[in-house]
């Protein structure tokens, strides 16, 4: 049981050697843009294929430097919530 937990922490999930979340963001942003440009402007899709590959190589390099990049992005999203102050004070204070 303990080995499974250590393995999950030590080896975060990857897609094609890149961290899970940045790779999905790359594909999720560039594919719709590619299809819109193909449909609206008759653009050659090879331009976007090269773009997807170049950005994916960058994601793989960033993931090699920091393997827990997906977890860092998720943690940043959870900590960027705007809080409301319970007491009237000048400036922003963190009060849940």
PDB file of N, CA and C in Angstrom:
ATOM      1  N   UNK A   1       0.825  -1.192   0.000  1.00  0.00           N
ATOM      2  CA  UNK A   1       0.000   0.000   0.000  1.00  0.00           C
ATOM      3  C   UNK A   1       0.863   1.247   0.000  1.00  0.00           C
ATOM      4  N   UNK A   2       1.895   1.248   0.806  1.00  0.00           N
ATOM      5  CA  UNK A   2       2.743   2.416   0.914  1.00  0.00           C
ATOM      6  C   UNK A   2       3.519   2.659  -0.381  1.00  0.00           C
ATOM      7  N   UNK A   3       3.888   1.616  -1.082  1.00  0.00           N
ATOM      8  CA  UNK A   3       4.637   1.753  -2.323  1.00  0.00           C
ATOM      9  C   UNK A   3       3.816   2.466  -3.388  1.00  0.00           C
ATOM     10  N   UNK A   4       2.522   2.214  -3.443  1.00  0.00           N
ATOM     11  CA  UNK A   4       1.678   2.855  -4.440  1.00  0.00           C
ATOM     12  C   UNK A   4       1.632   4.365  -4.225  1.00  0.00           C
ATOM     13  N   UNK A   5       1.550   4.787  -2.972  1.00  0.00           N
ATOM     14  CA  UNK A   5       1.504   6.217  -2.667  1.00  0.00           C
ATOM     15  C   UNK A   5       2.827   6.866  -3.047  1.00  0.00           C
ATOM     16  N   UNK A   6       3.932   6.253  -2.692  1.00  0.00           N
ATOM     17  CA  UNK A   6       5.237   6.808  -3.031  1.00  0.00           C
ATOM     18  C   UNK A   6       5.426   6.874  -4.540  1.00  0.00           C
ATOM     19  N   UNK A   7       4.946   5.881  -5.261  1.00  0.00           N
ATOM     20  CA  UNK A   7       5.088   5.877  -6.710  1.00  0.00           C
ATOM     21  C   UNK A   7       4.271   7.003  -7.326  1.00  0.00           C
ATOM     22  N   UNK A   8       3.065   7.256  -6.821  1.00  0.00           N
ATOM     23  CA  UNK A   8       2.226   8.324  -7.357  1.00  0.00           C
ATOM     24  C   UNK A   8       2.847   9.690  -7.093  1.00  0.00           C
ATOM     25  N   UNK A   9       3.477   9.857  -5.964  1.00  0.00           N
ATOM     26  CA  UNK A   9       4.106  11.137  -5.638  1.00  0.00           C
ATOM     27  C   UNK A   9       5.398  11.307  -6.422  1.00  0.00           C
ATOM     28  N   UNK A  10       6.170  10.255  -6.546  1.00  0.00           N
ATOM     29  CA  UNK A  10       7.460  10.350  -7.220  1.00  0.00           C
ATOM     30  C   UNK A  10       7.317  10.434  -8.734  1.00  0.00           C
ATOM     31  N   UNK A  11       6.303   9.802  -9.313  1.00  0.00           N
ATOM     32  CA  UNK A  11       6.110   9.794 -10.759  1.00  0.00           C
ATOM     33  C   UNK A  11       4.750  10.394 -11.104  1.00  0.00           C
ATOM     34  N   UNK A  12       4.688  11.720 -11.265  1.00  0.00           N
ATOM     35  CA  UNK A  12       3.393  12.315 -11.627  1.00  0.00           C
ATOM     36  C   UNK A  12       2.979  11.884 -13.027  1.00  0.00           C
ATOM     37  N   UNK A  13       1.680  11.926 -13.338  1.00  0.00           N
ATOM     38  CA  UNK A  13       1.204  11.453 -14.644  1.00  0.00           C
ATOM     39  C   UNK A  13       1.757  12.298 -15.791  1.00  0.00           C
ATOM     40  N   UNK A  14       2.027  11.632 -16.908  1.00  0.00           N
ATOM     41  CA  UNK A  14       2.581  12.294 -18.085  1.00  0.00           C
ATOM     42  C   UNK A  14       1.833  11.845 -19.332  1.00  0.00           C
ATOM     43  N   UNK A  15       1.791  12.723 -20.331  1.00  0.00           N
ATOM     44  CA  UNK A  15       1.257  12.406 -21.648  1.00  0.00           C
ATOM     45  C   UNK A  15       2.369  12.710 -22.649  1.00  0.00           C
ATOM     46  N   UNK A  16       2.818  11.711 -23.368  1.00  0.00           N
ATOM     47  CA  UNK A  16       3.896  11.880 -24.347  1.00  0.00           C
ATOM     48  C   UNK A  16       5.090  12.612 -23.742  1.00  0.00           C
ATOM     49  N   UNK A  17       5.540  12.180 -22.597  1.00  0.00           N
ATOM     50  CA  UNK A  17       6.706  12.670 -21.865  1.00  0.00           C
ATOM     51  C   UNK A  17       6.536  14.063 -21.280  1.00  0.00           C
ATOM     52  N   UNK A  18       5.362  14.654 -21.390  1.00  0.00           N
ATOM     53  CA  UNK A  18       5.114  15.984 -20.836  1.00  0.00           C
ATOM     54  C   UNK A  18       4.176  15.897 -19.651  1.00  0.00           C
ATOM     55  N   UNK A  19       4.225  16.886 -18.750  1.00  0.00           N
ATOM     56  CA  UNK A  19       3.300  16.898 -17.616  1.00  0.00           C
ATOM     57  C   UNK A  19       1.848  16.927 -18.101  1.00  0.00           C
ATOM     58  N   UNK A  20       0.976  16.313 -17.343  1.00  0.00           N
ATOM     59  CA  UNK A  20      -0.399  16.074 -17.755  1.00  0.00           C
ATOM     60  C   UNK A  20      -1.160  17.360 -18.085  1.00  0.00           C
ATOM     61  N   UNK A  21      -1.248  18.286 -17.141  1.00  0.00           N
ATOM     62  CA  UNK A  21      -2.074  19.471 -17.319  1.00  0.00           C
ATOM     63  C   UNK A  21      -1.542  20.424 -18.399  1.00  0.00           C
ATOM     64  N   UNK A  22      -0.251  20.771 -18.429  1.00  0.00           N
ATOM     65  CA  UNK A  22       0.216  21.658 -19.503  1.00  0.00           C
ATOM     66  C   UNK A  22       0.068  21.045 -20.897  1.00  0.00           C
ATOM     67  N   UNK A  23       0.219  19.732 -21.004  1.00  0.00           N
ATOM     68  CA  UNK A  23       0.038  19.083 -22.302  1.00  0.00           C
ATOM     69  C   UNK A  23      -1.414  19.166 -22.745  1.00  0.00           C
ATOM     70  N   UNK A  24      -2.340  18.927 -21.830  1.00  0.00           N
ATOM     71  CA  UNK A  24      -3.758  19.051 -22.175  1.00  0.00           C
ATOM     72  C   UNK A  24      -4.139  20.491 -22.499  1.00  0.00           C
ATOM     73  N   UNK A  25      -3.556  21.443 -21.802  1.00  0.00           N
ATOM     74  CA  UNK A  25      -3.818  22.846 -22.115  1.00  0.00           C
ATOM     75  C   UNK A  25      -3.307  23.198 -23.506  1.00  0.00           C
ATOM     76  N   UNK A  26      -2.143  22.707 -23.862  1.00  0.00           N
ATOM     77  CA  UNK A  26      -1.583  22.951 -25.192  1.00  0.00           C
ATOM     78  C   UNK A  26      -2.515  22.429 -26.275  1.00  0.00           C
ATOM     79  N   UNK A  27      -2.933  21.187 -26.138  1.00  0.00           N
ATOM     80  CA  UNK A  27      -3.811  20.584 -27.139  1.00  0.00           C
ATOM     81  C   UNK A  27      -5.195  21.233 -27.101  1.00  0.00           C
ATOM     82  N   UNK A  28      -5.698  21.508 -25.912  1.00  0.00           N
ATOM     83  CA  UNK A  28      -7.027  22.076 -25.764  1.00  0.00           C
ATOM     84  C   UNK A  28      -7.155  23.496 -26.287  1.00  0.00           C
ATOM     85  N   UNK A  29      -6.073  24.224 -26.327  1.00  0.00           N
ATOM     86  CA  UNK A  29      -6.104  25.580 -26.864  1.00  0.00           C
ATOM     87  C   UNK A  29      -5.799  25.583 -28.357  1.00  0.00           C
ATOM     88  N   UNK A  30      -4.795  24.818 -28.777  1.00  0.00           N
ATOM     89  CA  UNK A  30      -4.349  24.912 -30.164  1.00  0.00           C
ATOM     90  C   UNK A  30      -5.255  24.162 -31.147  1.00  0.00           C
ATOM     91  N   UNK A  31      -5.887  23.071 -30.739  1.00  0.00           N
ATOM     92  CA  UNK A  31      -6.770  22.357 -31.663  1.00  0.00           C
ATOM     93  C   UNK A  31      -7.992  23.190 -32.078  1.00  0.00           C
ATOM     94  N   UNK A  32      -8.724  23.794 -31.145  1.00  0.00           N
ATOM     95  CA  UNK A  32      -9.858  24.619 -31.590  1.00  0.00           C
ATOM     96  C   UNK A  32      -9.433  25.799 -32.470  1.00  0.00           C
ATOM     97  N   UNK A  33      -8.304  26.420 -32.125  1.00  0.00           N
ATOM     98  CA  UNK A  33      -7.812  27.522 -32.957  1.00  0.00           C
ATOM     99  C   UNK A  33      -7.461  27.005 -34.347  1.00  0.00           C
ATOM    100  N   UNK A  34      -6.840  25.827 -34.410  1.00  0.00           N
ATOM    101  CA  UNK A  34      -6.490  25.241 -35.697  1.00  0.00           C
ATOM    102  C   UNK A  34      -7.747  24.988 -36.534  1.00  0.00           C
ATOM    103  N   UNK A  35      -8.775  24.407 -35.941  1.00  0.00           N
ATOM    104  CA  UNK A  35      -9.994  24.106 -36.697  1.00  0.00           C
ATOM    105  C   UNK A  35     -10.725  25.379 -37.119  1.00  0.00           C
ATOM    106  N   UNK A  36     -10.677  26.416 -36.285  1.00  0.00           N
ATOM    107  CA  UNK A  36     -11.294  27.678 -36.675  1.00  0.00           C
ATOM    108  C   UNK A  36     -10.566  28.301 -37.866  1.00  0.00           C
ATOM    109  N   UNK A  37      -9.235  28.289 -37.834  1.00  0.00           N
ATOM    110  CA  UNK A  37      -8.475  28.850 -38.943  1.00  0.00           C
ATOM    111  C   UNK A  37      -8.652  28.034 -40.215  1.00  0.00           C
ATOM    112  N   UNK A  38      -8.757  26.727 -40.079  1.00  0.00           N
ATOM    113  CA  UNK A  38      -8.973  25.883 -41.259  1.00  0.00           C
ATOM    114  C   UNK A  38     -10.345  26.176 -41.856  1.00  0.00           C
ATOM    115  N   UNK A  39     -11.354  26.280 -41.000  1.00  0.00           N
ATOM    116  CA  UNK A  39     -12.711  26.516 -41.489  1.00  0.00           C
ATOM    117  C   UNK A  39     -12.926  27.915 -42.025  1.00  0.00           C
ATOM    118  N   UNK A  40     -12.337  28.916 -41.385  1.00  0.00           N
ATOM    119  CA  UNK A  40     -12.588  30.293 -41.783  1.00  0.00           C
ATOM    120  C   UNK A  40     -11.633  30.798 -42.858  1.00  0.00           C
ATOM    121  N   UNK A  41     -10.387  30.338 -42.817  1.00  0.00           N
ATOM    122  CA  UNK A  41      -9.411  30.935 -43.714  1.00  0.00           C
ATOM    123  C   UNK A  41      -8.716  29.995 -44.661  1.00  0.00           C
ATOM    124  N   UNK A  42      -9.097  28.734 -44.689  1.00  0.00           N
ATOM    125  CA  UNK A  42      -8.429  27.747 -45.545  1.00  0.00           C
ATOM    126  C   UNK A  42      -6.908  27.736 -45.332  1.00  0.00           C
ATOM    127  N   UNK A  43      -6.490  27.752 -44.080  1.00  0.00           N
ATOM    128  CA  UNK A  43      -5.071  27.728 -43.721  1.00  0.00           C
ATOM    129  C   UNK A  43      -4.597  26.277 -43.714  1.00  0.00           C
ATOM    130  N   UNK A  44      -3.348  26.066 -44.114  1.00  0.00           N
ATOM    131  CA  UNK A  44      -2.769  24.733 -44.118  1.00  0.00           C
ATOM    132  C   UNK A  44      -2.585  24.249 -42.675  1.00  0.00           C
ATOM    133  N   UNK A  45      -3.101  23.072 -42.327  1.00  0.00           N
ATOM    134  CA  UNK A  45      -2.991  22.602 -40.944  1.00  0.00           C
ATOM    135  C   UNK A  45      -1.564  22.231 -40.533  1.00  0.00           C
ATOM    136  N   UNK A  46      -0.649  22.079 -41.463  1.00  0.00           N
ATOM    137  CA  UNK A  46       0.733  21.747 -41.091  1.00  0.00           C
ATOM    138  C   UNK A  46       1.375  22.855 -40.262  1.00  0.00           C
ATOM    139  N   UNK A  47       0.954  24.087 -40.491  1.00  0.00           N
ATOM    140  CA  UNK A  47       1.478  25.197 -39.691  1.00  0.00           C
ATOM    141  C   UNK A  47       1.150  24.962 -38.218  1.00  0.00           C
ATOM    142  N   UNK A  48      -0.062  24.546 -37.950  1.00  0.00           N
ATOM    143  CA  UNK A  48      -0.475  24.322 -36.572  1.00  0.00           C
ATOM    144  C   UNK A  48       0.129  23.041 -36.001  1.00  0.00           C
ATOM    145  N   UNK A  49       0.342  22.048 -36.823  1.00  0.00           N
ATOM    146  CA  UNK A  49       0.980  20.819 -36.347  1.00  0.00           C
ATOM    147  C   UNK A  49       2.395  21.134 -35.876  1.00  0.00           C
ATOM    148  N   UNK A  50       3.126  21.940 -36.646  1.00  0.00           N
ATOM    149  CA  UNK A  50       4.476  22.336 -36.227  1.00  0.00           C
ATOM    150  C   UNK A  50       4.415  23.158 -34.943  1.00  0.00           C
ATOM    151  N   UNK A  51       3.421  24.032 -34.837  1.00  0.00           N
ATOM    152  CA  UNK A  51       3.261  24.844 -33.632  1.00  0.00           C
ATOM    153  C   UNK A  51       2.978  23.965 -32.409  1.00  0.00           C
ATOM    154  N   UNK A  52       2.109  22.989 -32.578  1.00  0.00           N
ATOM    155  CA  UNK A  52       1.783  22.085 -31.471  1.00  0.00           C
ATOM    156  C   UNK A  52       3.018  21.302 -31.037  1.00  0.00           C
ATOM    157  N   UNK A  53       3.801  20.834 -31.996  1.00  0.00           N
ATOM    158  CA  UNK A  53       5.013  20.061 -31.671  1.00  0.00           C
ATOM    159  C   UNK A  53       6.042  20.943 -30.972  1.00  0.00           C
ATOM    160  N   UNK A  54       6.234  22.177 -31.448  1.00  0.00           N
ATOM    161  CA  UNK A  54       7.221  23.075 -30.836  1.00  0.00           C
ATOM    162  C   UNK A  54       6.825  23.416 -29.397  1.00  0.00           C
ATOM    163  N   UNK A  55       5.554  23.721 -29.173  1.00  0.00           N
ATOM    164  CA  UNK A  55       5.103  24.039 -27.817  1.00  0.00           C
ATOM    165  C   UNK A  55       5.182  22.799 -26.932  1.00  0.00           C
ATOM    166  N   UNK A  56       4.893  21.624 -27.496  1.00  0.00           N
ATOM    167  CA  UNK A  56       4.973  20.396 -26.701  1.00  0.00           C
ATOM    168  C   UNK A  56       6.421  20.114 -26.290  1.00  0.00           C
ATOM    169  N   UNK A  57       7.364  20.375 -27.163  1.00  0.00           N
ATOM    170  CA  UNK A  57       8.780  20.204 -26.792  1.00  0.00           C
ATOM    171  C   UNK A  57       9.128  21.142 -25.637  1.00  0.00           C
ATOM    172  N   UNK A  58       8.610  22.376 -25.675  1.00  0.00           N
ATOM    173  CA  UNK A  58       8.823  23.294 -24.562  1.00  0.00           C
ATOM    174  C   UNK A  58       8.198  22.797 -23.271  1.00  0.00           C
ATOM    175  N   UNK A  59       7.015  22.213 -23.372  1.00  0.00           N
ATOM    176  CA  UNK A  59       6.353  21.657 -22.186  1.00  0.00           C
ATOM    177  C   UNK A  59       7.148  20.475 -21.641  1.00  0.00           C
ATOM    178  N   UNK A  60       7.667  19.633 -22.522  1.00  0.00           N
ATOM    179  CA  UNK A  60       8.474  18.481 -22.085  1.00  0.00           C
ATOM    180  C   UNK A  60       9.742  18.970 -21.381  1.00  0.00           C
ATOM    181  N   UNK A  61      10.385  19.999 -21.922  1.00  0.00           N
ATOM    182  CA  UNK A  61      11.596  20.535 -21.286  1.00  0.00           C
ATOM    183  C   UNK A  61      11.270  21.150 -19.925  1.00  0.00           C
ATOM    184  N   UNK A  62      10.158  21.875 -19.841  1.00  0.00           N
ATOM    185  CA  UNK A  62       9.749  22.437 -18.548  1.00  0.00           C
ATOM    186  C   UNK A  62       9.394  21.331 -17.562  1.00  0.00           C
ATOM    187  N   UNK A  63       8.774  20.258 -18.053  1.00  0.00           N
ATOM    188  CA  UNK A  63       8.439  19.123 -17.187  1.00  0.00           C
ATOM    189  C   UNK A  63       9.653  18.350 -16.737  1.00  0.00           C
ATOM    190  N   UNK A  64      10.709  18.348 -17.549  1.00  0.00           N
ATOM    191  CA  UNK A  64      11.945  17.681 -17.130  1.00  0.00           C
ATOM    192  C   UNK A  64      12.616  18.464 -16.010  1.00  0.00           C
ATOM    193  N   UNK A  65      12.491  19.779 -16.073  1.00  0.00           N
ATOM    194  CA  UNK A  65      13.081  20.615 -15.035  1.00  0.00           C
ATOM    195  C   UNK A  65      12.264  20.555 -13.746  1.00  0.00           C
ATOM    196  N   UNK A  66      10.944  20.581 -13.878  1.00  0.00           N
ATOM    197  CA  UNK A  66      10.037  20.527 -12.724  1.00  0.00           C
ATOM    198  C   UNK A  66       8.961  19.494 -12.987  1.00  0.00           C
ATOM    199  N   UNK A  67       9.136  18.238 -12.510  1.00  0.00           N
ATOM    200  CA  UNK A  67       8.189  17.172 -12.830  1.00  0.00           C
ATOM    201  C   UNK A  67       6.789  17.383 -12.253  1.00  0.00           C
ATOM    202  N   UNK A  68       6.650  18.168 -11.215  1.00  0.00           N
ATOM    203  CA  UNK A  68       5.343  18.369 -10.579  1.00  0.00           C
ATOM    204  C   UNK A  68       4.688  19.662 -11.056  1.00  0.00           C
ATOM    205  N   UNK A  69       4.883  20.004 -12.321  1.00  0.00           N
ATOM    206  CA  UNK A  69       4.338  21.234 -12.882  1.00  0.00           C
ATOM    207  C   UNK A  69       2.808  21.240 -12.854  1.00  0.00           C
ATOM    208  N   UNK A  70       2.174  20.111 -13.108  1.00  0.00           N
ATOM    209  CA  UNK A  70       0.710  20.027 -13.064  1.00  0.00           C
ATOM    210  C   UNK A  70       0.188  20.325 -11.667  1.00  0.00           C
ATOM    211  N   UNK A  71       0.827  19.776 -10.665  1.00  0.00           N
ATOM    212  CA  UNK A  71       0.403  20.018  -9.283  1.00  0.00           C
ATOM    213  C   UNK A  71       0.601  21.477  -8.899  1.00  0.00           C
ATOM    214  N   UNK A  72       1.676  22.084  -9.391  1.00  0.00           N
ATOM    215  CA  UNK A  72       1.928  23.489  -9.090  1.00  0.00           C
ATOM    216  C   UNK A  72       0.864  24.382  -9.723  1.00  0.00           C
ATOM    217  N   UNK A  73       0.438  24.077 -10.939  1.00  0.00           N
ATOM    218  CA  UNK A  73      -0.604  24.858 -11.601  1.00  0.00           C
ATOM    219  C   UNK A  73      -1.931  24.706 -10.861  1.00  0.00           C
ATOM    220  N   UNK A  74      -2.256  23.484 -10.426  1.00  0.00           N
ATOM    221  CA  UNK A  74      -3.494  23.262  -9.686  1.00  0.00           C
ATOM    222  C   UNK A  74      -3.469  23.981  -8.343  1.00  0.00           C
ATOM    223  N   UNK A  75      -2.338  23.958  -7.650  1.00  0.00           N
ATOM    224  CA  UNK A  75      -2.231  24.638  -6.361  1.00  0.00           C
ATOM    225  C   UNK A  75      -2.337  26.151  -6.532  1.00  0.00           C
ATOM    226  N   UNK A  76      -1.753  26.685  -7.609  1.00  0.00           N
ATOM    227  CA  UNK A  76      -1.845  28.125  -7.872  1.00  0.00           C
ATOM    228  C   UNK A  76      -3.293  28.528  -8.125  1.00  0.00           C
ATOM    229  N   UNK A  77      -4.025  27.709  -8.837  1.00  0.00           N
ATOM    230  CA  UNK A  77      -5.428  28.008  -9.105  1.00  0.00           C
ATOM    231  C   UNK A  77      -6.271  27.995  -7.850  1.00  0.00           C
ATOM    232  N   UNK A  78      -5.930  27.167  -6.895  1.00  0.00           N
ATOM    233  CA  UNK A  78      -6.699  27.095  -5.657  1.00  0.00           C
ATOM    234  C   UNK A  78      -6.353  28.227  -4.701  1.00  0.00           C
ATOM    235  N   UNK A  79      -5.148  28.784  -4.786  1.00  0.00           N
ATOM    236  CA  UNK A  79      -4.752  29.838  -3.854  1.00  0.00           C
ATOM    237  C   UNK A  79      -5.042  31.230  -4.384  1.00  0.00           C
ATOM    238  N   UNK A  80      -5.464  31.361  -5.635  1.00  0.00           N
ATOM    239  CA  UNK A  80      -5.733  32.684  -6.213  1.00  0.00           C
ATOM    240  C   UNK A  80      -7.178  33.122  -6.017  1.00  0.00           C
ATOM    241  N   UNK A  81      -7.854  32.615  -5.014  1.00  0.00           N
ATOM    242  CA  UNK A  81      -9.232  33.002  -4.753  1.00  0.00           C
ATOM    243  C   UNK A  81      -9.260  34.364  -4.056  1.00  0.00           C
ATOM    244  N   UNK A  82     -10.208  35.193  -4.439  1.00  0.00           N
ATOM    245  CA  UNK A  82     -10.364  36.502  -3.822  1.00  0.00           C
ATOM    246  C   UNK A  82     -11.120  36.326  -2.514  1.00  0.00           C
ATOM    247  N   UNK A  83     -10.590  36.893  -1.474  1.00  0.00           N
ATOM    248  CA  UNK A  83     -11.243  36.778  -0.170  1.00  0.00           C
ATOM    249  C   UNK A  83     -11.936  38.089   0.167  1.00  0.00           C
ATOM    250  N   UNK A  84     -12.960  38.003   0.981  1.00  0.00           N
ATOM    251  CA  UNK A  84     -13.652  39.205   1.458  1.00  0.00           C
ATOM    252  C   UNK A  84     -13.251  39.429   2.908  1.00  0.00           C
ATOM    253  N   UNK A  85     -13.046  40.686   3.237  1.00  0.00           N
ATOM    254  CA  UNK A  85     -12.652  41.013   4.606  1.00  0.00           C
ATOM    255  C   UNK A  85     -13.872  40.998   5.518  1.00  0.00           C
ATOM    256  N   UNK A  86     -13.701  40.407   6.681  1.00  0.00           N
ATOM    257  CA  UNK A  86     -14.785  40.407   7.661  1.00  0.00           C
ATOM    258  C   UNK A  86     -14.864  41.742   8.375  1.00  0.00           C
ATOM    259  N   UNK A  87     -13.743  42.417   8.503  1.00  0.00           N
ATOM    260  CA  UNK A  87     -13.682  43.674   9.224  1.00  0.00           C
ATOM    261  C   UNK A  87     -13.273  44.772   8.258  1.00  0.00           C
ATOM    262  N   UNK A  88     -13.802  45.962   8.456  1.00  0.00           N
ATOM    263  CA  UNK A  88     -13.476  47.076   7.565  1.00  0.00           C
ATOM    264  C   UNK A  88     -12.066  47.561   7.879  1.00  0.00           C
ATOM    265  N   UNK A  89     -11.125  47.267   6.984  1.00  0.00           N
ATOM    266  CA  UNK A  89      -9.748  47.706   7.157  1.00  0.00           C
ATOM    267  C   UNK A  89      -9.248  48.229   5.816  1.00  0.00           C
ATOM    268  N   UNK A  90      -8.193  49.007   5.873  1.00  0.00           N
ATOM    269  CA  UNK A  90      -7.587  49.511   4.650  1.00  0.00           C
ATOM    270  C   UNK A  90      -6.651  48.448   4.118  1.00  0.00           C
ATOM    271  N   UNK A  91      -6.723  48.194   2.817  1.00  0.00           N
ATOM    272  CA  UNK A  91      -5.889  47.163   2.208  1.00  0.00           C
ATOM    273  C   UNK A  91      -6.589  45.813   2.244  1.00  0.00           C
ATOM    274  N   UNK A  92      -5.885  44.804   1.804  1.00  0.00           N
ATOM    275  CA  UNK A  92      -6.482  43.480   1.782  1.00  0.00           C
ATOM    276  C   UNK A  92      -5.836  42.602   2.849  1.00  0.00           C
ATOM    277  N   UNK A  93      -6.654  42.028   3.659  1.00  0.00           N
ATOM    278  CA  UNK A  93      -6.198  41.132   4.713  1.00  0.00           C
ATOM    279  C   UNK A  93      -6.818  39.760   4.447  1.00  0.00           C
ATOM    280  N   UNK A  94      -6.100  38.726   4.747  1.00  0.00           N
ATOM    281  CA  UNK A  94      -6.630  37.384   4.529  1.00  0.00           C
ATOM    282  C   UNK A  94      -7.402  36.959   5.745  1.00  0.00           C
ATOM    283  N   UNK A  95      -8.728  37.000   5.623  1.00  0.00           N
ATOM    284  CA  UNK A  95      -9.636  36.536   6.669  1.00  0.00           C
ATOM    285  C   UNK A  95     -10.631  35.630   6.007  1.00  0.00           C
ATOM    286  N   UNK A  96     -10.695  34.356   6.371  1.00  0.00           N
ATOM    287  CA  UNK A  96     -11.621  33.440   5.688  1.00  0.00           C
ATOM    288  C   UNK A  96     -13.076  33.753   5.920  1.00  0.00           C
TER     289      UNK A  96
END
